[in-house]
Amino acid sequence: MADLIQFGANHATVTCPLGPRLRTFVGRKDSSKPAPDGLLPDAKASADSLINLFEDKTISAHELAALVGAHTSSRQFNFDSATSGAPQDSTPGVWDVLFYNQTVQNNITKGVFRIPSDVALAAHPSMSAEWQKFSLGNGVGQDHWNGDYAIAYTRLSLLGVNNINNLTECSRVMPVARPDFAGFFKQFVNG
């Protein structure tokens, strides 16, 4: 089951328009024990507590900034029932850097839901410079973020894997990344 979850997450990322291709490993040993409570981040947590939570797991603030960017393709359903289904940037389902820009904007983009912890992380001194680099236009921020995300997510996906030396890399079975949204859109429209 653990491999299925990781494989599904990696496949979803690369098939999302502009998403990066991620290294994918299989062979984890499943556990029948549930994970301890309190390990998942709280959407209302302070930036310091989230940074500490991830640093305790060897994920740096820089890597956390990259990982949080995955919110670009999401919608919130459980944080605020009044806005259930609201996207976290104006292009849900597209793996782009608009999330970084729209999280820090003073004028909230209509219909976009900002999670308080994302806003706090964006303003935190240990993350704000990297946040701004990810938000750069002309593909510069996109390429920078995709590279950093791919590394950080691969590290995250291997945390707690006790048989890491026995895993098999199966990245080659993942689809090819579609880094050009205009090309992707053209292909989609034309069939």
N, C-alpha and C. Protein backbone atom coordinates (compact mmCIF):
# COMPACT_ATOMS: atom_id res chain seq x y z
N MET A 1 0.81 -1.20 0.00
CA MET A 1 0.00 0.00 0.00
C MET A 1 0.86 1.27 0.00
N ALA A 2 1.96 1.26 0.75
CA ALA A 2 2.82 2.45 0.80
C ALA A 2 3.38 2.76 -0.58
N ASP A 3 3.79 1.72 -1.31
CA ASP A 3 4.31 1.94 -2.67
C ASP A 3 3.21 2.47 -3.58
N LEU A 4 2.02 1.96 -3.44
CA LEU A 4 0.91 2.41 -4.27
C LEU A 4 0.62 3.90 -4.04
N ILE A 5 0.65 4.32 -2.80
CA ILE A 5 0.41 5.73 -2.47
C ILE A 5 1.52 6.60 -3.08
N GLN A 6 2.77 6.21 -2.90
CA GLN A 6 3.88 6.99 -3.44
C GLN A 6 3.86 7.01 -4.97
N PHE A 7 3.59 5.87 -5.58
CA PHE A 7 3.54 5.80 -7.04
C PHE A 7 2.42 6.69 -7.56
N GLY A 8 1.26 6.63 -6.93
CA GLY A 8 0.13 7.46 -7.34
C GLY A 8 0.43 8.95 -7.22
N ALA A 9 1.09 9.35 -6.13
CA ALA A 9 1.45 10.76 -5.94
C ALA A 9 2.43 11.22 -7.01
N ASN A 10 3.43 10.40 -7.30
CA ASN A 10 4.42 10.77 -8.31
C ASN A 10 3.81 10.83 -9.70
N HIS A 11 2.93 9.89 -9.99
CA HIS A 11 2.26 9.87 -11.31
C HIS A 11 1.37 11.11 -11.45
N ALA A 12 0.64 11.44 -10.40
CA ALA A 12 -0.23 12.62 -10.45
C ALA A 12 0.58 13.89 -10.67
N THR A 13 1.74 13.99 -10.04
CA THR A 13 2.58 15.18 -10.18
C THR A 13 3.07 15.35 -11.62
N VAL A 14 3.59 14.30 -12.21
CA VAL A 14 4.15 14.41 -13.55
C VAL A 14 3.07 14.56 -14.62
N THR A 15 1.88 14.04 -14.38
CA THR A 15 0.82 14.19 -15.38
C THR A 15 0.06 15.51 -15.24
N CYS A 16 0.28 16.20 -14.14
CA CYS A 16 -0.30 17.53 -13.98
C CYS A 16 0.47 18.47 -14.92
N PRO A 17 -0.22 19.30 -15.69
CA PRO A 17 0.49 20.21 -16.59
C PRO A 17 1.57 21.00 -15.86
N LEU A 18 2.77 20.99 -16.38
CA LEU A 18 3.98 21.63 -15.87
C LEU A 18 4.65 20.88 -14.73
N GLY A 19 4.09 19.76 -14.30
CA GLY A 19 4.66 19.01 -13.18
C GLY A 19 5.97 18.33 -13.52
N PRO A 20 6.86 18.23 -12.52
CA PRO A 20 8.15 17.58 -12.74
C PRO A 20 8.04 16.05 -12.64
N ARG A 21 8.99 15.41 -13.24
CA ARG A 21 9.11 13.95 -13.12
C ARG A 21 9.91 13.68 -11.85
N LEU A 22 9.44 12.77 -11.03
CA LEU A 22 10.06 12.48 -9.73
C LEU A 22 10.68 11.09 -9.73
N ARG A 23 11.77 10.95 -9.00
CA ARG A 23 12.34 9.62 -8.82
C ARG A 23 11.34 8.80 -8.01
N THR A 24 11.14 7.57 -8.44
CA THR A 24 10.12 6.72 -7.84
C THR A 24 10.74 5.39 -7.43
N PHE A 25 10.57 5.05 -6.18
CA PHE A 25 11.13 3.81 -5.63
C PHE A 25 10.01 2.94 -5.08
N VAL A 26 10.12 1.62 -5.25
CA VAL A 26 9.15 0.68 -4.71
C VAL A 26 9.88 -0.39 -3.91
N GLY A 27 9.12 -1.05 -3.05
CA GLY A 27 9.66 -2.13 -2.24
C GLY A 27 9.57 -1.85 -0.75
N ARG A 28 8.79 -0.81 -0.38
CA ARG A 28 8.61 -0.51 1.04
C ARG A 28 7.90 -1.67 1.72
N LYS A 29 8.18 -1.82 2.99
CA LYS A 29 7.46 -2.83 3.78
C LYS A 29 6.29 -2.13 4.45
N ASP A 30 5.10 -2.66 4.23
CA ASP A 30 3.91 -2.08 4.86
C ASP A 30 3.90 -2.42 6.35
N SER A 31 3.21 -1.59 7.10
CA SER A 31 3.08 -1.80 8.54
C SER A 31 1.60 -1.87 8.88
N SER A 32 1.27 -2.71 9.84
CA SER A 32 -0.12 -2.79 10.29
C SER A 32 -0.40 -1.80 11.43
N LYS A 33 0.65 -1.13 11.91
CA LYS A 33 0.50 -0.16 13.00
C LYS A 33 0.16 1.21 12.41
N PRO A 34 -0.83 1.88 12.97
CA PRO A 34 -1.12 3.25 12.50
C PRO A 34 -0.01 4.20 12.93
N ALA A 35 0.18 5.25 12.16
CA ALA A 35 1.17 6.27 12.51
C ALA A 35 0.73 6.98 13.79
N PRO A 36 1.66 7.42 14.59
CA PRO A 36 1.30 8.16 15.82
C PRO A 36 0.57 9.46 15.47
N ASP A 37 -0.31 9.88 16.35
CA ASP A 37 -1.00 11.15 16.16
C ASP A 37 -0.02 12.31 16.28
N GLY A 38 -0.39 13.43 15.67
CA GLY A 38 0.38 14.66 15.82
C GLY A 38 1.53 14.82 14.86
N LEU A 39 1.66 13.96 13.86
CA LEU A 39 2.78 14.07 12.93
C LEU A 39 2.46 14.93 11.71
N LEU A 40 1.19 15.13 11.42
CA LEU A 40 0.82 15.91 10.25
C LEU A 40 0.78 17.40 10.59
N PRO A 41 1.13 18.24 9.64
CA PRO A 41 1.11 19.68 9.90
C PRO A 41 -0.31 20.21 10.07
N ASP A 42 -0.44 21.22 10.91
CA ASP A 42 -1.72 21.88 11.18
C ASP A 42 -1.83 23.12 10.30
N ALA A 43 -2.93 23.26 9.60
CA ALA A 43 -3.14 24.39 8.69
C ALA A 43 -3.21 25.74 9.40
N LYS A 44 -3.34 25.72 10.72
CA LYS A 44 -3.37 26.96 11.49
C LYS A 44 -2.09 27.18 12.29
N ALA A 45 -1.13 26.30 12.13
CA ALA A 45 0.11 26.36 12.91
C ALA A 45 0.95 27.56 12.51
N SER A 46 1.79 27.98 13.45
CA SER A 46 2.72 29.08 13.16
C SER A 46 3.81 28.58 12.22
N ALA A 47 4.45 29.51 11.56
CA ALA A 47 5.54 29.16 10.65
C ALA A 47 6.66 28.47 11.43
N ASP A 48 7.01 29.01 12.59
CA ASP A 48 8.09 28.41 13.38
C ASP A 48 7.79 26.96 13.75
N SER A 49 6.56 26.68 14.17
CA SER A 49 6.24 25.30 14.57
C SER A 49 6.28 24.36 13.36
N LEU A 50 5.85 24.83 12.19
CA LEU A 50 5.90 23.99 11.00
C LEU A 50 7.34 23.76 10.55
N ILE A 51 8.14 24.80 10.57
CA ILE A 51 9.55 24.66 10.20
C ILE A 51 10.23 23.68 11.14
N ASN A 52 9.96 23.79 12.44
CA ASN A 52 10.54 22.86 13.41
C ASN A 52 10.06 21.43 13.19
N LEU A 53 8.77 21.27 12.91
CA LEU A 53 8.21 19.94 12.65
C LEU A 53 8.94 19.26 11.50
N PHE A 54 9.17 20.01 10.42
CA PHE A 54 9.83 19.42 9.26
C PHE A 54 11.33 19.27 9.48
N GLU A 55 11.96 20.23 10.17
CA GLU A 55 13.38 20.09 10.47
C GLU A 55 13.64 18.87 11.35
N ASP A 56 12.70 18.55 12.24
CA ASP A 56 12.82 17.33 13.06
C ASP A 56 12.83 16.08 12.19
N LYS A 57 12.33 16.20 10.98
CA LYS A 57 12.30 15.09 10.03
C LYS A 57 13.37 15.25 8.95
N THR A 58 14.32 16.14 9.17
CA THR A 58 15.45 16.44 8.29
C THR A 58 15.07 17.19 7.01
N ILE A 59 13.90 17.81 6.98
CA ILE A 59 13.47 18.62 5.84
C ILE A 59 13.72 20.08 6.20
N SER A 60 14.57 20.75 5.43
CA SER A 60 14.94 22.14 5.72
C SER A 60 13.80 23.11 5.37
N ALA A 61 13.94 24.34 5.83
CA ALA A 61 12.95 25.38 5.51
C ALA A 61 12.88 25.59 3.99
N HIS A 62 14.02 25.55 3.33
CA HIS A 62 14.07 25.69 1.87
C HIS A 62 13.27 24.56 1.20
N GLU A 63 13.47 23.34 1.67
CA GLU A 63 12.73 22.20 1.11
C GLU A 63 11.24 22.30 1.44
N LEU A 64 10.92 22.76 2.63
CA LEU A 64 9.51 22.94 3.00
C LEU A 64 8.85 23.96 2.08
N ALA A 65 9.55 25.04 1.76
CA ALA A 65 9.00 26.04 0.82
C ALA A 65 8.67 25.38 -0.51
N ALA A 66 9.52 24.49 -0.97
CA ALA A 66 9.27 23.79 -2.23
C ALA A 66 8.08 22.84 -2.10
N LEU A 67 8.02 22.09 -1.01
CA LEU A 67 6.95 21.11 -0.82
C LEU A 67 5.57 21.76 -0.71
N VAL A 68 5.49 22.88 -0.02
CA VAL A 68 4.21 23.58 0.16
C VAL A 68 3.65 24.03 -1.19
N GLY A 69 4.51 24.25 -2.16
CA GLY A 69 4.06 24.67 -3.48
C GLY A 69 3.11 23.69 -4.15
N ALA A 70 3.08 22.45 -3.69
CA ALA A 70 2.14 21.48 -4.25
C ALA A 70 0.70 21.93 -4.06
N HIS A 71 0.48 22.88 -3.17
CA HIS A 71 -0.87 23.42 -3.00
C HIS A 71 -1.38 24.12 -4.25
N THR A 72 -0.50 24.39 -5.20
CA THR A 72 -0.90 25.04 -6.44
C THR A 72 -1.96 24.26 -7.21
N SER A 73 -1.95 22.96 -7.06
CA SER A 73 -2.88 22.13 -7.84
C SER A 73 -4.08 21.66 -7.01
N SER A 74 -4.22 22.20 -5.82
CA SER A 74 -5.24 21.66 -4.91
C SER A 74 -6.45 22.58 -4.71
N ARG A 75 -7.43 22.00 -4.09
CA ARG A 75 -8.62 22.70 -3.62
C ARG A 75 -8.81 22.32 -2.15
N GLN A 76 -9.31 23.25 -1.36
CA GLN A 76 -9.55 22.94 0.06
C GLN A 76 -11.00 22.48 0.22
N PHE A 77 -11.18 21.44 0.99
CA PHE A 77 -12.52 20.92 1.24
C PHE A 77 -12.85 20.84 2.73
N ASN A 78 -11.85 20.81 3.59
CA ASN A 78 -12.10 20.56 5.01
C ASN A 78 -11.73 21.70 5.94
N PHE A 79 -11.07 22.73 5.45
CA PHE A 79 -10.65 23.81 6.33
C PHE A 79 -11.81 24.76 6.61
N ASP A 80 -12.52 25.16 5.57
CA ASP A 80 -13.62 26.11 5.69
C ASP A 80 -14.80 25.60 4.86
N SER A 81 -15.82 25.10 5.52
CA SER A 81 -16.95 24.50 4.79
C SER A 81 -17.69 25.51 3.92
N ALA A 82 -17.63 26.78 4.27
CA ALA A 82 -18.32 27.80 3.48
C ALA A 82 -17.69 27.98 2.11
N THR A 83 -16.40 27.66 2.00
CA THR A 83 -15.71 27.80 0.71
C THR A 83 -15.17 26.44 0.23
N SER A 84 -15.86 25.39 0.61
CA SER A 84 -15.44 24.04 0.23
C SER A 84 -15.28 23.95 -1.29
N GLY A 85 -14.15 23.41 -1.71
CA GLY A 85 -13.86 23.28 -3.13
C GLY A 85 -13.07 24.44 -3.71
N ALA A 86 -12.81 25.45 -2.91
CA ALA A 86 -12.06 26.62 -3.41
C ALA A 86 -10.61 26.23 -3.68
N PRO A 87 -10.07 26.68 -4.81
CA PRO A 87 -8.67 26.37 -5.12
C PRO A 87 -7.72 27.23 -4.31
N GLN A 88 -6.46 26.80 -4.26
CA GLN A 88 -5.45 27.55 -3.52
C GLN A 88 -4.64 28.46 -4.43
N ASP A 89 -4.96 28.48 -5.70
CA ASP A 89 -4.53 29.53 -6.62
C ASP A 89 -5.53 29.53 -7.78
N SER A 90 -5.38 30.47 -8.69
CA SER A 90 -6.40 30.64 -9.73
C SER A 90 -6.28 29.64 -10.88
N THR A 91 -5.33 28.70 -10.80
CA THR A 91 -5.20 27.67 -11.83
C THR A 91 -5.14 26.29 -11.20
N PRO A 92 -6.19 25.87 -10.50
CA PRO A 92 -6.15 24.55 -9.87
C PRO A 92 -5.98 23.47 -10.94
N GLY A 93 -5.21 22.47 -10.60
CA GLY A 93 -4.97 21.39 -11.55
C GLY A 93 -3.80 21.66 -12.48
N VAL A 94 -3.15 22.81 -12.32
CA VAL A 94 -1.95 23.13 -13.10
C VAL A 94 -0.80 23.31 -12.11
N TRP A 95 0.31 22.67 -12.38
CA TRP A 95 1.49 22.69 -11.51
C TRP A 95 2.32 23.93 -11.84
N ASP A 96 1.84 25.09 -11.44
CA ASP A 96 2.54 26.33 -11.77
C ASP A 96 2.89 27.10 -10.51
N VAL A 97 3.58 28.21 -10.67
CA VAL A 97 4.05 28.99 -9.52
C VAL A 97 3.07 30.09 -9.09
N LEU A 98 1.88 30.11 -9.65
CA LEU A 98 0.90 31.13 -9.23
C LEU A 98 0.59 31.05 -7.74
N PHE A 99 0.63 29.86 -7.17
CA PHE A 99 0.40 29.70 -5.74
C PHE A 99 1.33 30.61 -4.94
N TYR A 100 2.60 30.65 -5.32
CA TYR A 100 3.58 31.47 -4.58
C TYR A 100 3.22 32.95 -4.66
N ASN A 101 2.82 33.41 -5.83
CA ASN A 101 2.44 34.81 -5.99
C ASN A 101 1.14 35.13 -5.26
N GLN A 102 0.14 34.29 -5.44
CA GLN A 102 -1.18 34.60 -4.90
C GLN A 102 -1.27 34.39 -3.39
N THR A 103 -0.36 33.65 -2.80
CA THR A 103 -0.35 33.50 -1.35
C THR A 103 0.12 34.78 -0.67
N VAL A 104 0.99 35.54 -1.33
CA VAL A 104 1.54 36.74 -0.70
C VAL A 104 0.88 38.04 -1.16
N GLN A 105 -0.03 37.98 -2.11
CA GLN A 105 -0.69 39.19 -2.60
C GLN A 105 -1.54 39.84 -1.52
N ASN A 106 -1.50 41.16 -1.48
CA ASN A 106 -2.36 41.90 -0.55
C ASN A 106 -3.82 41.80 -0.96
N ASN A 107 -4.08 41.89 -2.25
CA ASN A 107 -5.45 41.74 -2.76
C ASN A 107 -5.67 40.28 -3.11
N ILE A 108 -6.48 39.62 -2.33
CA ILE A 108 -6.72 38.20 -2.54
C ILE A 108 -7.47 37.99 -3.84
N THR A 109 -6.95 37.10 -4.67
CA THR A 109 -7.59 36.77 -5.93
C THR A 109 -8.96 36.15 -5.64
N LYS A 110 -9.98 36.65 -6.29
CA LYS A 110 -11.34 36.18 -6.05
C LYS A 110 -11.44 34.67 -6.24
N GLY A 111 -12.04 34.02 -5.26
CA GLY A 111 -12.27 32.59 -5.32
C GLY A 111 -11.11 31.74 -4.85
N VAL A 112 -9.96 32.35 -4.57
CA VAL A 112 -8.78 31.62 -4.12
C VAL A 112 -8.76 31.57 -2.59
N PHE A 113 -8.52 30.39 -2.05
CA PHE A 113 -8.47 30.21 -0.60
C PHE A 113 -7.02 30.11 -0.16
N ARG A 114 -6.65 30.93 0.81
CA ARG A 114 -5.29 30.89 1.34
C ARG A 114 -5.32 30.28 2.74
N ILE A 115 -4.54 29.23 2.91
CA ILE A 115 -4.43 28.59 4.22
C ILE A 115 -3.53 29.46 5.10
N PRO A 116 -3.95 29.74 6.33
CA PRO A 116 -3.17 30.62 7.20
C PRO A 116 -1.70 30.20 7.35
N SER A 117 -1.45 28.91 7.46
CA SER A 117 -0.06 28.47 7.63
C SER A 117 0.78 28.76 6.39
N ASP A 118 0.18 28.70 5.19
CA ASP A 118 0.91 29.03 3.97
C ASP A 118 1.30 30.51 3.97
N VAL A 119 0.38 31.37 4.36
CA VAL A 119 0.65 32.81 4.42
C VAL A 119 1.77 33.08 5.43
N ALA A 120 1.71 32.41 6.58
CA ALA A 120 2.75 32.59 7.60
C ALA A 120 4.11 32.10 7.11
N LEU A 121 4.13 30.95 6.44
CA LEU A 121 5.40 30.43 5.92
C LEU A 121 6.00 31.37 4.88
N ALA A 122 5.16 31.91 4.01
CA ALA A 122 5.64 32.80 2.95
C ALA A 122 6.33 34.03 3.51
N ALA A 123 5.88 34.50 4.67
CA ALA A 123 6.44 35.70 5.28
C ALA A 123 7.61 35.42 6.23
N HIS A 124 7.86 34.16 6.53
CA HIS A 124 8.90 33.82 7.49
C HIS A 124 10.29 34.14 6.92
N PRO A 125 11.17 34.75 7.73
CA PRO A 125 12.50 35.14 7.23
C PRO A 125 13.32 33.99 6.63
N SER A 126 13.13 32.77 7.11
CA SER A 126 13.92 31.66 6.58
C SER A 126 13.35 31.11 5.28
N MET A 127 12.18 31.61 4.85
CA MET A 127 11.56 31.10 3.64
C MET A 127 11.20 32.17 2.62
N SER A 128 11.08 33.41 3.04
CA SER A 128 10.54 34.44 2.14
C SER A 128 11.38 34.65 0.88
N ALA A 129 12.70 34.60 1.00
CA ALA A 129 13.55 34.81 -0.19
C ALA A 129 13.35 33.68 -1.20
N GLU A 130 13.30 32.46 -0.72
CA GLU A 130 13.10 31.32 -1.62
C GLU A 130 11.70 31.37 -2.22
N TRP A 131 10.72 31.75 -1.42
CA TRP A 131 9.34 31.90 -1.88
C TRP A 131 9.31 32.85 -3.08
N GLN A 132 10.02 33.97 -2.95
CA GLN A 132 10.06 34.96 -4.04
C GLN A 132 10.76 34.41 -5.27
N LYS A 133 11.81 33.62 -5.10
CA LYS A 133 12.51 33.02 -6.24
C LYS A 133 11.58 32.06 -6.99
N PHE A 134 10.79 31.29 -6.24
CA PHE A 134 9.86 30.36 -6.88
C PHE A 134 8.80 31.11 -7.68
N SER A 135 8.47 32.32 -7.28
CA SER A 135 7.38 33.05 -7.93
C SER A 135 7.80 33.80 -9.19
N LEU A 136 9.07 33.77 -9.54
CA LEU A 136 9.55 34.50 -10.72
C LEU A 136 8.88 33.99 -12.00
N GLY A 137 8.64 34.91 -12.93
CA GLY A 137 8.00 34.57 -14.20
C GLY A 137 8.98 34.09 -15.25
N ASN A 138 8.50 33.98 -16.47
CA ASN A 138 9.28 33.55 -17.64
C ASN A 138 9.90 32.17 -17.49
N GLY A 139 9.29 31.32 -16.70
CA GLY A 139 9.77 29.95 -16.54
C GLY A 139 10.92 29.81 -15.57
N VAL A 140 11.53 30.92 -15.14
CA VAL A 140 12.67 30.86 -14.23
C VAL A 140 12.24 30.28 -12.89
N GLY A 141 11.20 30.82 -12.32
CA GLY A 141 10.69 30.31 -11.04
C GLY A 141 10.16 28.90 -11.17
N GLN A 142 9.49 28.60 -12.28
CA GLN A 142 8.94 27.26 -12.51
C GLN A 142 10.06 26.22 -12.54
N ASP A 143 11.10 26.47 -13.29
CA ASP A 143 12.21 25.51 -13.38
C ASP A 143 12.90 25.34 -12.04
N HIS A 144 13.12 26.46 -11.35
CA HIS A 144 13.76 26.42 -10.03
C HIS A 144 12.91 25.61 -9.05
N TRP A 145 11.61 25.90 -9.03
CA TRP A 145 10.73 25.20 -8.11
C TRP A 145 10.63 23.71 -8.46
N ASN A 146 10.43 23.38 -9.72
CA ASN A 146 10.32 21.98 -10.11
C ASN A 146 11.54 21.18 -9.67
N GLY A 147 12.73 21.75 -9.87
CA GLY A 147 13.95 21.05 -9.46
C GLY A 147 14.03 20.86 -7.96
N ASP A 148 13.75 21.92 -7.23
CA ASP A 148 13.80 21.84 -5.76
C ASP A 148 12.71 20.92 -5.22
N TYR A 149 11.52 20.99 -5.82
CA TYR A 149 10.43 20.13 -5.36
C TYR A 149 10.77 18.65 -5.58
N ALA A 150 11.30 18.33 -6.75
CA ALA A 150 11.62 16.94 -7.07
C ALA A 150 12.60 16.36 -6.06
N ILE A 151 13.60 17.13 -5.69
CA ILE A 151 14.58 16.65 -4.71
C ILE A 151 13.94 16.51 -3.33
N ALA A 152 13.23 17.55 -2.90
CA ALA A 152 12.62 17.54 -1.57
C ALA A 152 11.57 16.44 -1.44
N TYR A 153 10.75 16.24 -2.47
CA TYR A 153 9.71 15.22 -2.38
C TYR A 153 10.32 13.81 -2.36
N THR A 154 11.37 13.61 -3.14
CA THR A 154 12.01 12.29 -3.12
C THR A 154 12.54 12.00 -1.73
N ARG A 155 13.18 12.99 -1.10
CA ARG A 155 13.67 12.80 0.28
C ARG A 155 12.51 12.52 1.22
N LEU A 156 11.42 13.30 1.10
CA LEU A 156 10.27 13.11 1.97
C LEU A 156 9.67 11.72 1.79
N SER A 157 9.61 11.25 0.55
CA SER A 157 8.99 9.95 0.27
C SER A 157 9.79 8.78 0.84
N LEU A 158 11.04 9.03 1.20
CA LEU A 158 11.88 7.96 1.73
C LEU A 158 12.04 8.01 3.25
N LEU A 159 11.47 9.04 3.88
CA LEU A 159 11.54 9.11 5.34
C LEU A 159 10.83 7.92 5.97
N GLY A 160 11.47 7.34 6.94
CA GLY A 160 10.86 6.23 7.67
C GLY A 160 10.90 4.89 6.95
N VAL A 161 11.50 4.85 5.79
CA VAL A 161 11.62 3.59 5.05
C VAL A 161 12.82 2.84 5.63
N ASN A 162 12.54 1.71 6.27
CA ASN A 162 13.59 0.98 6.96
C ASN A 162 14.39 0.05 6.06
N ASN A 163 13.90 -0.20 4.87
CA ASN A 163 14.61 -1.09 3.94
C ASN A 163 15.05 -0.33 2.69
N ILE A 164 15.53 0.88 2.89
CA ILE A 164 15.85 1.78 1.78
C ILE A 164 16.86 1.16 0.80
N ASN A 165 17.79 0.36 1.29
CA ASN A 165 18.80 -0.24 0.42
C ASN A 165 18.23 -1.36 -0.44
N ASN A 166 17.02 -1.79 -0.15
CA ASN A 166 16.40 -2.87 -0.92
C ASN A 166 15.32 -2.36 -1.88
N LEU A 167 15.14 -1.04 -1.98
CA LEU A 167 14.13 -0.49 -2.87
C LEU A 167 14.60 -0.59 -4.32
N THR A 168 13.64 -0.63 -5.21
CA THR A 168 13.92 -0.66 -6.65
C THR A 168 13.44 0.64 -7.25
N GLU A 169 14.32 1.28 -8.01
CA GLU A 169 13.90 2.51 -8.69
C GLU A 169 13.13 2.14 -9.94
N CYS A 170 11.93 2.71 -10.05
CA CYS A 170 11.10 2.44 -11.23
C CYS A 170 10.64 3.74 -11.88
N SER A 171 11.48 4.77 -11.80
CA SER A 171 11.17 6.07 -12.39
C SER A 171 10.89 5.97 -13.88
N ARG A 172 11.52 5.02 -14.54
CA ARG A 172 11.38 4.89 -16.00
C ARG A 172 9.95 4.59 -16.45
N VAL A 173 9.12 4.10 -15.54
CA VAL A 173 7.74 3.79 -15.94
C VAL A 173 6.81 4.99 -15.82
N MET A 174 7.33 6.08 -15.28
CA MET A 174 6.53 7.30 -15.17
C MET A 174 6.41 7.96 -16.54
N PRO A 175 5.29 8.64 -16.78
CA PRO A 175 5.15 9.37 -18.04
C PRO A 175 6.20 10.47 -18.15
N VAL A 176 6.43 10.94 -19.34
CA VAL A 176 7.34 12.04 -19.58
C VAL A 176 6.68 13.33 -19.07
N ALA A 177 7.47 14.18 -18.45
CA ALA A 177 6.95 15.46 -17.95
C ALA A 177 6.51 16.34 -19.11
N ARG A 178 5.54 17.20 -18.85
CA ARG A 178 5.05 18.15 -19.84
C ARG A 178 5.36 19.56 -19.35
N PRO A 179 6.62 19.99 -19.55
CA PRO A 179 7.04 21.27 -18.98
C PRO A 179 6.49 22.49 -19.70
N ASP A 180 5.90 22.32 -20.87
CA ASP A 180 5.42 23.45 -21.66
C ASP A 180 3.90 23.46 -21.64
N PHE A 181 3.31 24.36 -20.85
CA PHE A 181 1.86 24.39 -20.72
C PHE A 181 1.17 24.73 -22.04
N ALA A 182 1.76 25.65 -22.80
CA ALA A 182 1.15 26.01 -24.09
C ALA A 182 1.12 24.80 -25.01
N GLY A 183 2.21 24.03 -25.02
CA GLY A 183 2.25 22.81 -25.82
C GLY A 183 1.26 21.77 -25.33
N PHE A 184 1.15 21.66 -24.01
CA PHE A 184 0.20 20.73 -23.44
C PHE A 184 -1.23 21.11 -23.81
N PHE A 185 -1.53 22.40 -23.68
CA PHE A 185 -2.87 22.87 -24.00
C PHE A 185 -3.20 22.64 -25.47
N LYS A 186 -2.25 22.92 -26.34
CA LYS A 186 -2.44 22.71 -27.78
C LYS A 186 -2.73 21.25 -28.09
N GLN A 187 -1.95 20.35 -27.45
CA GLN A 187 -2.17 18.92 -27.64
C GLN A 187 -3.54 18.51 -27.13
N PHE A 188 -3.93 19.05 -26.00
CA PHE A 188 -5.22 18.72 -25.40
C PHE A 188 -6.37 19.16 -26.30
N VAL A 189 -6.28 20.36 -26.85
CA VAL A 189 -7.33 20.91 -27.71
C VAL A 189 -7.41 20.15 -29.03
N ASN A 190 -6.24 19.78 -29.56
CA ASN A 190 -6.21 19.12 -30.87
C ASN A 190 -6.43 17.62 -30.81
N GLY A 191 -6.61 17.12 -29.63
CA GLY A 191 -6.97 15.73 -29.59
C GLY A 191 -6.14 14.84 -28.81
